Amino acid sequence: VQFVESGGGLVQPGGSLRLSCAASGFTFRSHAMSWYRQAPGKERELVADIASAGGTTNYADSVKGRFTISRDNAKSTVYLAMNSLKPDDTAVYYCHTSLWYTGYWGQGTQVTVSS
């Protein structure tokens, strides 16, 4: 199982970014996917998740209405579109899936929201 994350960077408050996570090594279309984030000195937290077929999504209260998770099963890729970014969104963002009760993580991509 391998994930390649991209799309992070430095953005001003109110700006937007789109994260991508390209997956390989498992049957992507059969598994739910998630995005987590971890800010300095804080625990890793769930940001959003999406069902295998993409029809059901869930979001942390802190990002509802600003972030959108989506997936392209033909490309084995999950996305996180982030709008109206705030300094509190600064963190390393990770994609994640669980296969047979084992969790797998990407290497993470840094998102910094600062003026």
N, C-alpha and C. Protein backbone atom coordinates (compact mmCIF):
# COMPACT_ATOMS: atom_id res chain seq x y z
N VAL A 1 0.86 -1.19 0.00
CA VAL A 1 0.00 0.00 0.00
C VAL A 1 0.89 1.24 0.00
N GLN A 2 0.60 2.13 -0.91
CA GLN A 2 1.39 3.36 -1.00
C GLN A 2 0.49 4.54 -1.35
N PHE A 3 0.77 5.68 -0.70
CA PHE A 3 0.09 6.91 -1.01
C PHE A 3 1.10 7.98 -1.39
N VAL A 4 0.79 8.76 -2.39
CA VAL A 4 1.62 9.91 -2.75
C VAL A 4 0.75 11.15 -2.66
N GLU A 5 1.03 11.98 -1.65
CA GLU A 5 0.23 13.18 -1.42
C GLU A 5 0.92 14.39 -2.05
N SER A 6 0.10 15.33 -2.48
CA SER A 6 0.62 16.56 -3.07
C SER A 6 -0.39 17.67 -2.90
N GLY A 7 0.05 18.89 -3.18
CA GLY A 7 -0.85 20.03 -3.19
C GLY A 7 -0.75 20.96 -2.00
N GLY A 8 0.05 20.60 -1.01
CA GLY A 8 0.21 21.48 0.14
C GLY A 8 1.05 22.69 -0.21
N GLY A 9 1.13 23.62 0.75
CA GLY A 9 1.94 24.81 0.54
C GLY A 9 1.56 25.92 1.49
N LEU A 10 2.06 27.11 1.18
CA LEU A 10 1.80 28.30 1.97
C LEU A 10 0.70 29.12 1.28
N VAL A 11 -0.31 29.49 2.05
CA VAL A 11 -1.42 30.26 1.50
C VAL A 11 -1.86 31.30 2.51
N GLN A 12 -2.35 32.42 2.02
CA GLN A 12 -2.85 33.46 2.92
C GLN A 12 -4.22 33.11 3.47
N PRO A 13 -4.57 33.64 4.62
CA PRO A 13 -5.92 33.42 5.15
C PRO A 13 -6.98 33.81 4.12
N GLY A 14 -8.00 32.97 4.02
CA GLY A 14 -9.04 33.18 3.02
C GLY A 14 -8.76 32.51 1.69
N GLY A 15 -7.56 31.98 1.53
CA GLY A 15 -7.18 31.34 0.28
C GLY A 15 -7.66 29.91 0.17
N SER A 16 -7.24 29.27 -0.93
CA SER A 16 -7.68 27.90 -1.23
C SER A 16 -6.50 27.02 -1.63
N LEU A 17 -6.64 25.75 -1.34
CA LEU A 17 -5.70 24.73 -1.80
C LEU A 17 -6.48 23.47 -2.13
N ARG A 18 -5.89 22.63 -2.98
CA ARG A 18 -6.48 21.32 -3.28
C ARG A 18 -5.42 20.27 -3.09
N LEU A 19 -5.65 19.38 -2.13
CA LEU A 19 -4.73 18.29 -1.87
C LEU A 19 -5.14 17.07 -2.69
N SER A 20 -4.14 16.31 -3.12
CA SER A 20 -4.37 15.06 -3.84
C SER A 20 -3.63 13.93 -3.15
N CYS A 21 -4.18 12.74 -3.22
CA CYS A 21 -3.54 11.55 -2.66
C CYS A 21 -3.74 10.42 -3.66
N ALA A 22 -2.67 10.06 -4.35
CA ALA A 22 -2.71 8.96 -5.32
C ALA A 22 -2.35 7.67 -4.61
N ALA A 23 -3.21 6.67 -4.73
CA ALA A 23 -3.05 5.42 -4.00
C ALA A 23 -2.66 4.28 -4.94
N SER A 24 -1.96 3.30 -4.39
CA SER A 24 -1.61 2.10 -5.15
C SER A 24 -1.41 0.94 -4.17
N GLY A 25 -1.46 -0.28 -4.71
CA GLY A 25 -1.17 -1.45 -3.90
C GLY A 25 -2.39 -2.11 -3.28
N PHE A 26 -3.56 -1.59 -3.56
CA PHE A 26 -4.80 -2.22 -3.07
C PHE A 26 -5.93 -1.82 -4.00
N THR A 27 -7.10 -2.43 -3.82
CA THR A 27 -8.26 -2.16 -4.67
C THR A 27 -8.93 -0.89 -4.16
N PHE A 28 -8.48 0.23 -4.68
CA PHE A 28 -8.88 1.55 -4.18
C PHE A 28 -10.40 1.71 -4.14
N ARG A 29 -11.08 1.28 -5.21
CA ARG A 29 -12.52 1.52 -5.33
C ARG A 29 -13.34 0.78 -4.28
N SER A 30 -12.72 -0.15 -3.56
CA SER A 30 -13.45 -0.97 -2.59
C SER A 30 -13.34 -0.44 -1.16
N HIS A 31 -12.61 0.65 -0.97
CA HIS A 31 -12.32 1.09 0.40
C HIS A 31 -12.61 2.56 0.62
N ALA A 32 -13.16 2.85 1.81
CA ALA A 32 -13.33 4.24 2.22
C ALA A 32 -11.95 4.88 2.40
N MET A 33 -11.92 6.19 2.22
CA MET A 33 -10.68 6.95 2.37
C MET A 33 -10.93 8.14 3.30
N SER A 34 -9.87 8.57 3.96
CA SER A 34 -9.98 9.68 4.90
C SER A 34 -8.82 10.63 4.75
N TRP A 35 -9.06 11.86 5.17
CA TRP A 35 -7.99 12.84 5.36
C TRP A 35 -7.93 13.17 6.86
N TYR A 36 -6.73 13.15 7.41
CA TYR A 36 -6.47 13.57 8.78
C TYR A 36 -5.50 14.74 8.73
N ARG A 37 -5.38 15.42 9.86
CA ARG A 37 -4.36 16.46 9.97
C ARG A 37 -3.79 16.48 11.38
N GLN A 38 -2.56 16.97 11.48
CA GLN A 38 -1.92 17.07 12.78
C GLN A 38 -1.17 18.40 12.83
N ALA A 39 -1.60 19.25 13.76
CA ALA A 39 -0.94 20.53 13.98
C ALA A 39 0.14 20.37 15.04
N PRO A 40 1.13 21.25 15.07
CA PRO A 40 2.21 21.14 16.06
C PRO A 40 1.66 21.12 17.48
N GLY A 41 2.09 20.12 18.25
CA GLY A 41 1.67 20.01 19.64
C GLY A 41 0.28 19.48 19.86
N LYS A 42 -0.40 19.07 18.78
CA LYS A 42 -1.76 18.56 18.90
C LYS A 42 -1.84 17.14 18.39
N GLU A 43 -2.92 16.45 18.78
CA GLU A 43 -3.15 15.09 18.31
C GLU A 43 -3.65 15.12 16.86
N ARG A 44 -3.40 14.03 16.17
CA ARG A 44 -3.92 13.89 14.82
C ARG A 44 -5.44 13.80 14.88
N GLU A 45 -6.13 14.51 13.97
CA GLU A 45 -7.58 14.52 13.98
C GLU A 45 -8.14 14.22 12.60
N LEU A 46 -9.32 13.61 12.59
CA LEU A 46 -10.02 13.32 11.34
C LEU A 46 -10.59 14.62 10.77
N VAL A 47 -10.31 14.86 9.51
CA VAL A 47 -10.84 16.03 8.82
C VAL A 47 -12.09 15.67 8.01
N ALA A 48 -11.99 14.60 7.22
CA ALA A 48 -13.10 14.20 6.36
C ALA A 48 -12.90 12.77 5.93
N ASP A 49 -14.01 12.10 5.62
CA ASP A 49 -13.90 10.78 5.03
C ASP A 49 -14.96 10.61 3.95
N ILE A 50 -14.73 9.60 3.10
CA ILE A 50 -15.61 9.37 1.95
C ILE A 50 -15.74 7.88 1.74
N ALA A 51 -16.96 7.43 1.48
CA ALA A 51 -17.22 6.02 1.25
C ALA A 51 -16.59 5.55 -0.07
N SER A 52 -16.52 4.24 -0.22
CA SER A 52 -15.82 3.66 -1.37
C SER A 52 -16.39 4.13 -2.70
N ALA A 53 -17.72 4.25 -2.79
CA ALA A 53 -18.34 4.69 -4.04
C ALA A 53 -18.46 6.20 -4.12
N GLY A 54 -18.11 6.87 -3.04
CA GLY A 54 -18.10 8.33 -3.05
C GLY A 54 -19.42 8.98 -2.69
N GLY A 55 -20.44 8.19 -2.40
CA GLY A 55 -21.75 8.79 -2.16
C GLY A 55 -21.95 9.35 -0.77
N THR A 56 -21.16 8.93 0.19
CA THR A 56 -21.32 9.37 1.58
C THR A 56 -20.04 10.02 2.06
N THR A 57 -20.18 11.22 2.60
CA THR A 57 -19.02 11.94 3.13
C THR A 57 -19.33 12.43 4.54
N ASN A 58 -18.29 12.62 5.33
CA ASN A 58 -18.41 13.17 6.68
C ASN A 58 -17.28 14.16 6.90
N TYR A 59 -17.57 15.18 7.71
CA TYR A 59 -16.60 16.24 7.95
C TYR A 59 -16.52 16.58 9.43
N ALA A 60 -15.34 16.99 9.86
CA ALA A 60 -15.20 17.58 11.18
C ALA A 60 -15.97 18.90 11.21
N ASP A 61 -16.54 19.22 12.35
CA ASP A 61 -17.32 20.46 12.47
C ASP A 61 -16.49 21.68 12.08
N SER A 62 -15.21 21.64 12.37
CA SER A 62 -14.34 22.80 12.13
C SER A 62 -14.13 23.10 10.65
N VAL A 63 -14.43 22.14 9.76
CA VAL A 63 -14.19 22.36 8.33
C VAL A 63 -15.45 22.30 7.50
N LYS A 64 -16.58 21.99 8.11
CA LYS A 64 -17.84 21.88 7.36
C LYS A 64 -18.15 23.18 6.63
N GLY A 65 -18.54 23.06 5.37
CA GLY A 65 -18.87 24.22 4.57
C GLY A 65 -17.66 24.87 3.91
N ARG A 66 -16.46 24.45 4.30
CA ARG A 66 -15.24 25.03 3.70
C ARG A 66 -14.42 24.00 2.92
N PHE A 67 -14.42 22.75 3.39
CA PHE A 67 -13.64 21.69 2.76
C PHE A 67 -14.57 20.72 2.05
N THR A 68 -14.08 20.13 0.96
CA THR A 68 -14.84 19.12 0.23
C THR A 68 -13.92 17.95 -0.11
N ILE A 69 -14.31 16.77 0.33
CA ILE A 69 -13.57 15.56 -0.03
C ILE A 69 -14.24 14.91 -1.23
N SER A 70 -13.43 14.39 -2.14
CA SER A 70 -13.96 13.71 -3.33
C SER A 70 -12.95 12.64 -3.74
N ARG A 71 -13.37 11.80 -4.67
CA ARG A 71 -12.49 10.73 -5.14
C ARG A 71 -12.76 10.43 -6.60
N ASP A 72 -11.72 9.95 -7.27
CA ASP A 72 -11.82 9.47 -8.65
C ASP A 72 -11.32 8.03 -8.63
N ASN A 73 -12.23 7.09 -8.63
CA ASN A 73 -11.83 5.68 -8.53
C ASN A 73 -11.08 5.21 -9.78
N ALA A 74 -11.31 5.84 -10.90
CA ALA A 74 -10.58 5.47 -12.13
C ALA A 74 -9.11 5.86 -12.03
N LYS A 75 -8.82 6.89 -11.24
CA LYS A 75 -7.44 7.34 -11.05
C LYS A 75 -6.86 6.92 -9.70
N SER A 76 -7.65 6.21 -8.90
CA SER A 76 -7.21 5.79 -7.55
C SER A 76 -6.68 6.98 -6.76
N THR A 77 -7.45 8.05 -6.78
CA THR A 77 -7.01 9.30 -6.15
C THR A 77 -8.14 9.89 -5.32
N VAL A 78 -7.79 10.38 -4.14
CA VAL A 78 -8.72 11.10 -3.29
C VAL A 78 -8.24 12.54 -3.18
N TYR A 79 -9.19 13.46 -3.10
CA TYR A 79 -8.87 14.89 -3.08
C TYR A 79 -9.47 15.55 -1.84
N LEU A 80 -8.87 16.67 -1.48
CA LEU A 80 -9.45 17.52 -0.44
C LEU A 80 -9.33 18.95 -0.91
N ALA A 81 -10.47 19.53 -1.29
CA ALA A 81 -10.52 20.93 -1.68
C ALA A 81 -10.77 21.77 -0.44
N MET A 82 -9.89 22.73 -0.21
CA MET A 82 -9.96 23.54 1.01
C MET A 82 -10.14 25.00 0.63
N ASN A 83 -11.23 25.60 1.07
CA ASN A 83 -11.52 26.99 0.80
C ASN A 83 -11.61 27.77 2.11
N SER A 84 -11.56 29.09 1.99
CA SER A 84 -11.66 29.98 3.16
C SER A 84 -10.73 29.52 4.27
N LEU A 85 -9.50 29.27 3.91
CA LEU A 85 -8.54 28.72 4.87
C LEU A 85 -8.24 29.71 5.99
N LYS A 86 -8.03 29.15 7.18
CA LYS A 86 -7.75 29.93 8.37
C LYS A 86 -6.39 29.52 8.94
N PRO A 87 -5.77 30.38 9.73
CA PRO A 87 -4.50 29.97 10.36
C PRO A 87 -4.62 28.68 11.16
N ASP A 88 -5.79 28.43 11.77
CA ASP A 88 -6.00 27.19 12.53
C ASP A 88 -5.99 25.95 11.66
N ASP A 89 -6.06 26.10 10.35
CA ASP A 89 -5.98 24.95 9.45
C ASP A 89 -4.54 24.53 9.19
N THR A 90 -3.58 25.28 9.68
CA THR A 90 -2.17 24.94 9.51
C THR A 90 -1.88 23.60 10.17
N ALA A 91 -1.35 22.66 9.38
CA ALA A 91 -1.09 21.30 9.87
C ALA A 91 -0.43 20.50 8.75
N VAL A 92 0.02 19.31 9.13
CA VAL A 92 0.39 18.32 8.12
C VAL A 92 -0.85 17.48 7.86
N TYR A 93 -1.20 17.34 6.59
CA TYR A 93 -2.40 16.61 6.19
C TYR A 93 -1.99 15.24 5.64
N TYR A 94 -2.71 14.21 6.10
CA TYR A 94 -2.41 12.83 5.74
C TYR A 94 -3.64 12.15 5.14
N CYS A 95 -3.45 11.36 4.12
CA CYS A 95 -4.53 10.49 3.69
C CYS A 95 -4.36 9.13 4.38
N HIS A 96 -5.49 8.43 4.47
CA HIS A 96 -5.54 7.22 5.30
C HIS A 96 -6.60 6.28 4.79
N THR A 97 -6.32 4.98 4.93
CA THR A 97 -7.34 3.98 4.74
C THR A 97 -7.09 2.83 5.70
N SER A 98 -8.11 2.03 5.92
CA SER A 98 -7.98 0.83 6.76
C SER A 98 -8.25 -0.40 5.90
N LEU A 99 -7.33 -1.33 5.94
CA LEU A 99 -7.49 -2.58 5.20
C LEU A 99 -7.37 -3.72 6.21
N TRP A 100 -8.44 -4.47 6.36
CA TRP A 100 -8.43 -5.61 7.28
C TRP A 100 -7.92 -5.19 8.67
N TYR A 101 -8.49 -4.12 9.19
CA TYR A 101 -8.24 -3.60 10.54
C TYR A 101 -6.82 -3.06 10.72
N THR A 102 -6.12 -2.81 9.65
CA THR A 102 -4.80 -2.20 9.71
C THR A 102 -4.86 -0.84 9.02
N GLY A 103 -4.39 0.19 9.68
CA GLY A 103 -4.41 1.52 9.11
C GLY A 103 -3.15 1.81 8.30
N TYR A 104 -3.34 2.50 7.18
CA TYR A 104 -2.22 2.88 6.32
C TYR A 104 -2.26 4.39 6.12
N TRP A 105 -1.09 5.01 6.16
CA TRP A 105 -0.97 6.46 6.10
C TRP A 105 -0.05 6.90 4.97
N GLY A 106 -0.37 8.07 4.42
CA GLY A 106 0.55 8.72 3.51
C GLY A 106 1.66 9.39 4.29
N GLN A 107 2.60 10.01 3.55
CA GLN A 107 3.75 10.64 4.19
C GLN A 107 3.39 12.03 4.73
N GLY A 108 2.28 12.57 4.30
CA GLY A 108 1.82 13.87 4.76
C GLY A 108 2.27 15.00 3.85
N THR A 109 1.44 16.04 3.80
CA THR A 109 1.78 17.24 3.04
C THR A 109 1.47 18.45 3.93
N GLN A 110 2.42 19.38 4.00
CA GLN A 110 2.30 20.52 4.89
C GLN A 110 1.41 21.59 4.29
N VAL A 111 0.46 22.07 5.09
CA VAL A 111 -0.37 23.22 4.73
C VAL A 111 -0.12 24.30 5.77
N THR A 112 0.29 25.46 5.31
CA THR A 112 0.55 26.59 6.21
C THR A 112 -0.31 27.77 5.76
N VAL A 113 -1.13 28.26 6.68
CA VAL A 113 -2.01 29.40 6.39
C VAL A 113 -1.49 30.59 7.20
N SER A 114 -0.93 31.55 6.50
CA SER A 114 -0.31 32.68 7.19
C SER A 114 -0.22 33.88 6.25
N SER A 115 -0.33 35.06 6.83
CA SER A 115 -0.15 36.27 6.04
C SER A 115 1.29 36.75 6.10
